[in-house]
Structures are given as C-alpha cells and as structure tokens.
C-alpha cells in the first residue's frame, strides 16, 4: 500500500532511556572482555528500567525487563543483588546528608526477570526465494512466554550464544540473525539490546557489517584511562543525535547473603558474598574531539600542530583569559569574554589542555592556569 508523504504524521521518537535507547528498536552494546559490560547492562541498565530510575542521569520508562542469559544463570542474580544493596547504601548515605529520598521509587528486582539459557534467534531458510523466513521453535517459545510480561526491554547476553551455531561474521547468517531479533521487537513491541564483543583490534564490533548497519543504536564500551574504568561511546543513534560520551568505574560490593541447601531451602546461615557494580561518572564530551565540528581556523591549527610553539589567535586569547583567573573559570565565561560561540571554543580548549597550556578539573568543568 502506497501512502502519500503529506498524509503521514511526524511523530517524535519515544525513548526507553531518554536520548539513548528507543522504546521500540534493536541495538548493541559491545566491547572487549573485562570492561564490565554485563554489570553495565544486566545490572545498572536493567534495574534502572525495571524501577523507573535514571540511567546515567537520563530518565527511563519503567517496566519489565527480561535478561536472556546465553551461558546460563552464572552469577546474574548476585550481580543484581549487589546493585540493589549498593542502591540501598547510597540512599542511606543521602538521607544522612539531609537529601530527601522518600520520593524516590522503590529499588528492587521484582520487575527484572532472567531467562537462563539460549534460544536460536536466526530465522530458518525457506524455499520460496522471497528472502523471508520462519522463526525457530525455541524463539517462538521465548516470545510466547515473554509476551505475558509485556516487557519494556529484552537483553540478549551475548550475541554468539543465540546464533544457533551460525557464523556471525557471514553476511547471510548475520542477516538471518537480525531478522530474528527484529521479530522479537515486532511481536513484543519493546527494545532489544544485544551484548556483543569487539574484534581483535578493539576498534569494531565482532561480526559482519550487516549487524551494525541494521541496528537502530550501537554503544561501544572501551577501557578508560584509570584502572577499573570504562567509557561509553555512542557510535549510532538512528532516532536522534549521538549522546555525549560518558563513563563509569567498577566498584566492589560485599555483604552477607542467606545460605541455601541443595533443594533451595534456606539453612538459616549467612555467608559472605561479593560482586561489583558500576558507578557512573561525568565525562565532558570534548574529551572526544572528533565529535566536534571543525572550522577553517581549527583545521589550520590541527594541520600545524606539529610546529613547536604554534597557537592560533583564539587559542592564545583563551589561554590568556584562563591565566588571568587562578580561581578557575567556566567555558561559558571564557566564551562570553571573547564573544565567541561556546561550541566553537570547545576544540580550542581541548587542544590547550592536551598541550598542557591550561588544565581542567573534570569534576567541576572549570579551567585553571597550567
């Protein structure tokens, strides 16, 4: 059926996580091993949506979340417990500081569900040559069971576990994989997020290009400069602008947990338990200068950056303004004093910090003399 463009409505995107994850769509979070991807997605994100709390300062739409664990239960439950316990501790600390926490929603795992085991996602081949396919019986069982919960989000951890033995590096197999994931999106009307790994270079997502191209959003996780930290980088956002890069640190959590016997009954004993959670931190987007548009003057500065002592006129003015303020100055104040657009000034300040001409306090965002 053909529809004239003037008859179509212009509807703004609905977000599951504001400006980051659409309410209906599919995407990937990928990165190397040991950067905390499961803590990020199965703990922080899943519980934020399940409880309707913020995720990295962004509002979420609350609802059921299903985490399908390709390798089985593993320690998913203990990761969930660690995040809930840390939240309880954070709220107690906030209350002691006089911050009102009574208005915050309850924070627990009642809206978080685990599917302990993989199912086969790629559609099966058909002989009619129309490029379509049938979903597998195991995927159909998952969808019918999940439908009862009306989930906001389904998480697949991780991609290769749900491939049914097909190579995700093959374009045809990857296409069948994406058709199966899109069927989950269509039938459950939710967001589907898949955890994946990076290739050997660490620069790209492992698998055929079809995976990236067919996704609605892609988030890369890469190791941070500090120990036990990582950066979140938006590589694709089909429904809006890329969100500013941010990051987190891994934080250990220890507590006493109830012991259970082989039949799942509590023994009345407590045992020490330990896991980790993530602690989001602010990262100024100018720490990734490639996301900032360059003008002719900036390009000139970049081209001549190898010349010792070279500084553009705007760079010198900005450095001089900062040097006159030993108590620190915000970027907006610098821009106002120089009568320039703050967006244009960002890359100059980035280069000045990189060269060591000035320094920046990442916590406050203020600039100081070197």
Protein backbone atom coordinates (compact mmCIF):
# COMPACT_ATOMS: atom_id res chain seq x y z
CA UNK A 1 0.00 0.00 0.00
CA UNK A 2 1.40 3.38 -1.01
CA UNK A 3 0.95 6.38 1.29
CA UNK A 4 1.49 9.98 0.23
CA UNK A 5 4.15 11.72 2.34
CA UNK A 6 1.78 14.58 3.22
CA UNK A 7 -0.61 12.08 4.80
CA UNK A 8 1.99 10.68 7.17
CA UNK A 9 2.27 12.02 10.71
CA UNK A 10 5.55 13.38 12.06
CA UNK A 11 5.83 11.69 15.43
CA UNK A 12 8.84 12.34 17.70
CA UNK A 13 10.65 9.16 18.82
CA UNK A 14 9.60 7.53 22.06
CA UNK A 15 12.54 6.72 24.31
CA UNK A 16 13.08 3.92 26.78
CA UNK A 17 16.17 5.76 28.02
CA UNK A 18 15.90 9.42 27.09
CA UNK A 19 18.03 10.23 24.05
CA UNK A 20 19.88 6.92 24.28
CA UNK A 21 17.67 3.85 23.72
CA UNK A 22 14.37 3.93 21.78
CA UNK A 23 11.23 2.43 23.28
CA UNK A 24 11.00 0.09 20.29
CA UNK A 25 14.06 -0.95 18.34
CA UNK A 26 17.19 -3.07 18.41
CA UNK A 27 20.75 -2.25 19.25
CA UNK A 28 24.11 -3.44 20.50
CA UNK A 29 26.45 -2.73 23.38
CA UNK A 30 29.86 -4.09 22.52
CA UNK A 31 33.40 -4.03 23.82
CA UNK A 32 36.31 -6.24 24.88
CA UNK A 33 36.17 -8.67 27.77
CA UNK A 34 36.60 -7.46 31.36
CA UNK A 35 35.27 -3.93 30.92
CA UNK A 36 32.08 -4.61 32.88
CA UNK A 37 29.55 -4.92 30.03
CA UNK A 38 27.34 -7.32 31.98
CA UNK A 39 27.50 -5.12 35.10
CA UNK A 40 26.54 -2.16 32.91
CA UNK A 41 23.66 -3.80 31.04
CA UNK A 42 22.34 -6.62 33.24
CA UNK A 43 22.78 -4.64 36.44
CA UNK A 44 22.72 -0.87 36.02
CA UNK A 45 20.55 -0.53 32.90
CA UNK A 46 18.19 -3.44 33.56
CA UNK A 47 17.43 -2.31 37.12
CA UNK A 48 17.11 1.35 36.11
CA UNK A 49 14.37 0.46 33.62
CA UNK A 50 12.79 -2.12 35.94
CA UNK A 51 12.48 0.51 38.68
CA UNK A 52 11.96 3.61 36.54
CA UNK A 53 15.05 5.35 37.90
CA UNK A 54 17.64 7.29 35.92
CA UNK A 55 20.40 5.69 33.87
CA UNK A 56 23.49 7.91 33.62
CA UNK A 57 21.31 10.90 34.51
CA UNK A 58 18.70 10.08 31.86
CA UNK A 59 15.04 9.34 32.60
CA UNK A 60 13.71 5.85 31.83
CA UNK A 61 10.28 4.36 31.20
CA UNK A 62 9.65 1.76 33.88
CA UNK A 63 8.54 -1.75 33.03
CA UNK A 64 9.52 -5.39 33.00
CA UNK A 65 12.98 -6.32 31.76
CA UNK A 66 13.97 -9.81 30.60
CA UNK A 67 17.64 -10.78 30.51
CA UNK A 68 18.26 -13.91 28.42
CA UNK A 69 21.49 -15.48 29.61
CA UNK A 70 23.09 -17.45 26.81
CA UNK A 71 25.58 -19.16 29.11
CA UNK A 72 23.06 -19.96 31.84
CA UNK A 73 22.45 -18.35 35.21
CA UNK A 74 26.12 -17.83 36.08
CA UNK A 75 26.27 -15.04 38.69
CA UNK A 76 23.48 -12.86 37.23
CA UNK A 77 21.45 -12.97 40.43
CA UNK A 78 24.38 -11.97 42.60
CA UNK A 79 25.14 -9.04 40.27
CA UNK A 80 21.54 -7.93 40.69
CA UNK A 81 21.76 -8.27 44.49
CA UNK A 82 24.99 -6.25 44.55
CA UNK A 83 23.37 -3.35 42.67
CA UNK A 84 20.26 -3.37 44.89
CA UNK A 85 22.40 -3.40 48.04
CA UNK A 86 24.58 -0.56 46.76
CA UNK A 87 21.48 1.48 45.97
CA UNK A 88 20.22 0.92 49.50
CA UNK A 89 23.55 2.06 50.90
CA UNK A 90 23.60 5.13 48.63
CA UNK A 91 20.13 6.16 49.76
CA UNK A 92 21.03 5.76 53.42
CA UNK A 93 24.07 7.98 52.87
CA UNK A 94 21.93 10.56 51.04
CA UNK A 95 19.42 10.58 53.88
CA UNK A 96 22.21 11.21 56.40
CA UNK A 97 23.26 14.20 54.30
CA UNK A 98 19.75 15.61 54.50
CA UNK A 99 18.72 14.70 50.95
CA UNK A 100 15.08 13.70 50.52
CA UNK A 101 14.95 10.08 49.35
CA UNK A 102 11.35 9.33 50.34
CA UNK A 103 10.08 10.48 46.95
CA UNK A 104 12.37 8.09 45.05
CA UNK A 105 10.76 4.92 43.65
CA UNK A 106 11.43 1.62 45.35
CA UNK A 107 14.52 -0.15 44.06
CA UNK A 108 14.40 -3.94 43.85
CA UNK A 109 14.38 -6.81 41.40
CA UNK A 110 10.66 -7.51 41.21
CA UNK A 111 10.43 -6.23 37.61
CA UNK A 112 13.61 -7.98 36.46
CA UNK A 113 13.39 -11.49 35.01
CA UNK A 114 16.05 -13.93 33.84
CA UNK A 115 15.74 -16.50 31.05
CA UNK A 116 18.56 -18.93 31.95
CA UNK A 117 19.58 -20.36 28.61
CA UNK A 118 19.99 -19.59 24.93
CA UNK A 119 17.45 -19.95 22.14
CA UNK A 120 18.11 -19.87 18.41
CA UNK A 121 17.47 -16.40 17.01
CA UNK A 122 18.29 -16.62 13.26
CA UNK A 123 15.27 -17.30 11.07
CA UNK A 124 15.27 -20.58 9.16
CA UNK A 125 15.72 -20.80 5.43
CA UNK A 126 12.69 -21.02 3.19
CA UNK A 127 12.45 -22.20 -0.40
CA UNK A 128 10.16 -19.58 -1.87
CA UNK A 129 13.02 -17.20 -2.65
CA UNK A 130 11.35 -14.11 -1.21
CA UNK A 131 14.07 -13.52 1.37
CA UNK A 132 11.76 -14.13 4.32
CA UNK A 133 12.00 -16.92 6.85
CA UNK A 134 10.31 -18.65 9.77
CA UNK A 135 11.40 -18.09 13.35
CA UNK A 136 12.66 -21.16 15.20
CA UNK A 137 10.53 -23.12 17.69
CA UNK A 138 12.82 -22.10 20.56
CA UNK A 139 12.46 -18.40 19.70
CA UNK A 140 8.69 -18.83 19.39
CA UNK A 141 8.58 -20.37 22.90
CA UNK A 142 10.54 -17.45 24.30
CA UNK A 143 8.31 -14.85 22.63
CA UNK A 144 5.09 -16.52 23.81
CA UNK A 145 6.38 -16.72 27.38
CA UNK A 146 7.78 -13.18 27.35
CA UNK A 147 4.57 -11.74 25.90
CA UNK A 148 2.79 -12.37 29.21
CA UNK A 149 5.12 -9.87 30.93
CA UNK A 150 4.75 -7.12 28.30
CA UNK A 151 8.45 -6.25 28.70
CA UNK A 152 9.91 -2.82 28.04
CA UNK A 153 13.28 -4.38 27.23
CA UNK A 154 14.79 -7.73 26.30
CA UNK A 155 18.55 -8.21 26.73
CA UNK A 156 20.47 -10.98 24.96
CA UNK A 157 23.78 -11.81 26.65
CA UNK A 158 25.68 -12.43 24.49
CA UNK A 159 25.28 -12.37 20.69
CA UNK A 160 27.16 -15.56 19.72
CA UNK A 161 25.22 -17.66 22.25
CA UNK A 162 21.98 -17.04 20.35
CA UNK A 163 23.35 -17.65 16.84
CA UNK A 164 22.37 -21.32 16.70
CA UNK A 165 25.89 -22.22 15.64
CA UNK A 166 25.90 -19.89 12.63
CA UNK A 167 28.87 -17.63 11.97
CA UNK A 168 28.01 -14.03 12.81
CA UNK A 169 30.86 -12.96 10.50
CA UNK A 170 28.95 -14.25 7.48
CA UNK A 171 26.65 -11.66 5.88
CA UNK A 172 23.88 -14.13 5.10
CA UNK A 173 23.92 -15.60 8.62
CA UNK A 174 24.08 -12.13 10.15
CA UNK A 175 21.06 -11.08 8.09
CA UNK A 176 19.09 -14.09 9.36
CA UNK A 177 20.16 -13.15 12.89
CA UNK A 178 18.88 -9.59 12.52
CA UNK A 179 15.57 -10.78 11.07
CA UNK A 180 15.07 -12.93 14.16
CA UNK A 181 15.87 -10.07 16.55
CA UNK A 182 13.53 -7.76 14.65
CA UNK A 183 10.80 -10.34 15.12
CA UNK A 184 11.27 -10.05 18.90
CA UNK A 185 10.97 -6.26 18.59
CA UNK A 186 7.86 -6.54 16.42
CA UNK A 187 6.00 -9.14 18.44
CA UNK A 188 6.84 -7.80 21.91
CA UNK A 189 6.87 -4.10 20.88
CA UNK A 190 9.91 -3.41 23.02
CA UNK A 191 13.59 -2.57 22.84
CA UNK A 192 16.02 -5.44 22.31
CA UNK A 193 19.61 -4.89 23.37
CA UNK A 194 22.30 -7.40 22.46
CA UNK A 195 25.66 -7.63 24.22
CA UNK A 196 28.48 -8.30 21.77
CA UNK A 197 32.27 -8.38 21.71
CA UNK A 198 34.77 -6.26 19.83
CA UNK A 199 37.13 -7.66 17.21
CA UNK A 200 40.82 -8.32 17.84
CA UNK A 201 41.72 -4.71 17.07
CA UNK A 202 39.24 -3.49 19.67
CA UNK A 203 38.01 -0.81 17.27
CA UNK A 204 34.94 -2.50 15.77
CA UNK A 205 32.14 -4.85 16.75
CA UNK A 206 32.81 -8.51 16.04
CA UNK A 207 30.70 -9.83 13.17
CA UNK A 208 29.51 -8.90 9.71
CA UNK A 209 28.79 -5.28 8.85
CA UNK A 210 25.12 -6.19 8.45
CA UNK A 211 24.79 -6.31 12.25
CA UNK A 212 25.85 -2.69 12.66
CA UNK A 213 24.00 -1.43 9.59
CA UNK A 214 20.66 -2.95 10.59
CA UNK A 215 20.82 -1.73 14.21
CA UNK A 216 18.91 1.30 15.48
CA UNK A 217 21.59 2.16 18.05
CA UNK A 218 25.11 0.96 18.85
CA UNK A 219 27.09 1.76 22.00
CA UNK A 220 30.77 0.97 22.34
CA UNK A 221 32.42 0.26 25.70
CA UNK A 222 36.17 0.75 25.84
CA UNK A 223 38.66 0.68 28.72
CA UNK A 224 39.21 4.03 30.45
CA UNK A 225 42.49 5.62 31.41
CA UNK A 226 42.00 4.88 35.09
CA UNK A 227 42.12 1.35 36.50
CA UNK A 228 38.72 -0.41 36.56
CA UNK A 229 37.05 2.27 34.47
CA UNK A 230 35.43 2.34 31.04
CA UNK A 231 33.99 4.80 28.54
CA UNK A 232 30.57 4.68 26.87
CA UNK A 233 30.65 5.96 23.29
CA UNK A 234 27.60 6.30 21.06
CA UNK A 235 28.52 5.03 17.60
CA UNK A 236 25.00 5.07 16.14
CA UNK A 237 21.65 6.59 17.08
CA UNK A 238 19.12 6.25 14.29
CA UNK A 239 16.48 8.39 16.02
CA UNK A 240 18.48 11.41 17.16
CA UNK A 241 21.89 12.93 17.75
CA UNK A 242 24.59 10.83 19.34
CA UNK A 243 24.67 11.23 23.11
CA UNK A 244 27.81 12.68 24.64
CA UNK A 245 30.44 10.18 25.70
CA UNK A 246 30.35 9.24 29.35
CA UNK A 247 31.89 6.56 31.52
CA UNK A 248 31.94 4.59 34.74
CA UNK A 249 34.16 2.92 37.28
CA UNK A 250 33.73 -0.56 38.74
CA UNK A 251 33.01 -0.63 42.44
CA UNK A 252 33.23 -3.68 44.72
CA UNK A 253 30.26 -4.56 46.94
CA UNK A 254 30.37 -7.00 49.84
CA UNK A 255 27.51 -8.25 52.03
CA UNK A 256 26.17 -11.25 53.97
CA UNK A 257 23.79 -13.42 51.97
CA UNK A 258 21.47 -16.22 53.07
CA UNK A 259 22.75 -19.76 52.53
CA UNK A 260 20.50 -22.29 50.75
CA UNK A 261 20.71 -26.09 50.68
CA UNK A 262 20.70 -28.27 47.60
CA UNK A 263 16.90 -28.19 47.47
CA UNK A 264 16.78 -24.41 47.54
CA UNK A 265 15.67 -24.09 51.14
CA UNK A 266 17.32 -21.51 53.47
CA UNK A 267 19.61 -23.03 56.08
CA UNK A 268 19.42 -20.05 58.44
CA UNK A 269 23.12 -19.35 57.94
CA UNK A 270 24.69 -16.25 56.38
CA UNK A 271 27.66 -16.40 54.07
CA UNK A 272 29.90 -13.58 52.81
CA UNK A 273 29.10 -12.56 49.23
CA UNK A 274 30.88 -10.18 46.91
CA UNK A 275 30.38 -8.76 43.45
CA UNK A 276 30.77 -5.43 41.68
CA UNK A 277 28.60 -2.65 40.33
CA UNK A 278 29.30 0.33 38.14
CA UNK A 279 29.47 3.92 39.34
CA UNK A 280 28.70 6.38 36.51
CA UNK A 281 30.85 9.47 36.27
CA UNK A 282 30.63 12.59 34.17
CA UNK A 283 32.88 12.88 31.15
CA UNK A 284 32.91 16.13 29.23
CA UNK A 285 32.15 15.40 25.57
CA UNK A 286 35.16 17.46 24.47
CA UNK A 287 37.31 14.55 25.61
CA UNK A 288 36.36 13.05 22.24
CA UNK A 289 37.26 15.91 19.88
CA UNK A 290 36.36 14.01 16.70
CA UNK A 291 32.68 14.57 17.56
CA UNK A 292 33.14 18.37 17.42
CA UNK A 293 32.75 20.13 14.05
CA UNK A 294 35.92 21.85 12.85
CA UNK A 295 36.04 25.23 11.14
CA UNK A 296 38.84 26.55 8.93
CA UNK A 297 40.80 28.11 11.78
CA UNK A 298 40.70 24.92 13.84
CA UNK A 299 41.74 22.84 10.85
CA UNK A 300 44.69 25.18 10.35
CA UNK A 301 45.66 24.72 13.99
CA UNK A 302 45.40 20.94 13.67
CA UNK A 303 47.49 20.94 10.47
CA UNK A 304 50.25 22.99 12.04
CA UNK A 305 50.06 21.36 15.44
CA UNK A 306 53.46 19.79 14.84
CA UNK A 307 55.14 23.19 14.71
CA UNK A 308 56.56 23.86 18.12
CA UNK A 309 55.03 26.89 19.78
CA UNK A 310 52.19 27.31 17.28
CA UNK A 311 48.96 28.68 18.71
CA UNK A 312 46.02 30.17 16.84
CA UNK A 313 44.86 33.65 17.82
CA UNK A 314 41.74 32.30 19.51
CA UNK A 315 43.80 29.74 21.42
CA UNK A 316 46.10 32.46 22.74
CA UNK A 317 43.13 34.61 23.77
CA UNK A 318 41.52 31.68 25.59
CA UNK A 319 44.77 30.75 27.37
CA UNK A 320 45.26 34.37 28.42
CA UNK A 321 41.72 34.57 29.81
CA UNK A 322 42.23 31.38 31.84
CA UNK A 323 45.67 32.52 33.07
CA UNK A 324 44.07 35.65 34.50
CA UNK A 325 41.71 33.56 36.62
CA UNK A 326 43.73 31.46 39.09
CA UNK A 327 40.49 30.58 40.94
CA UNK A 328 39.11 28.82 37.85
CA UNK A 329 36.75 29.81 35.06
CA UNK A 330 33.93 28.04 33.20
CA UNK A 331 33.94 27.61 29.43
CA UNK A 332 30.82 29.79 29.08
CA UNK A 333 32.55 32.64 30.90
CA UNK A 334 35.53 32.32 28.56
CA UNK A 335 33.26 32.33 25.52
CA UNK A 336 31.35 35.36 26.79
CA UNK A 337 34.52 37.32 27.47
CA UNK A 338 35.85 36.57 23.98
CA UNK A 339 32.44 36.96 22.28
CA UNK A 340 32.64 33.56 20.59
CA UNK A 341 30.28 30.61 20.39
CA UNK A 342 30.97 28.06 23.18
CA UNK A 343 30.58 25.24 20.65
CA UNK A 344 33.39 26.71 18.56
CA UNK A 345 35.58 27.20 21.64
CA UNK A 346 35.42 23.56 22.77
CA UNK A 347 38.06 22.18 20.46
CA UNK A 348 40.47 25.04 21.19
CA UNK A 349 40.20 24.36 24.91
CA UNK A 350 40.61 20.63 24.31
CA UNK A 351 43.86 21.24 22.42
CA UNK A 352 45.07 23.70 25.07
CA UNK A 353 44.55 21.08 27.80
CA UNK A 354 46.18 18.39 25.66
CA UNK A 355 49.24 20.59 25.10
CA UNK A 356 49.45 21.43 28.79
CA UNK A 357 48.83 25.16 28.28
CA UNK A 358 45.96 25.04 30.79
CA UNK A 359 44.42 22.38 32.96
CA UNK A 360 40.82 21.31 33.51
CA UNK A 361 39.09 19.93 36.59
CA UNK A 362 36.86 17.16 35.16
CA UNK A 363 34.73 17.13 38.29
CA UNK A 364 33.76 20.81 38.15
CA UNK A 365 34.44 21.52 34.48
CA UNK A 366 36.45 24.64 35.41
CA UNK A 367 39.67 25.63 33.62
CA UNK A 368 42.80 26.74 35.52
CA UNK A 369 46.23 28.12 34.61
CA UNK A 370 48.78 25.38 33.97
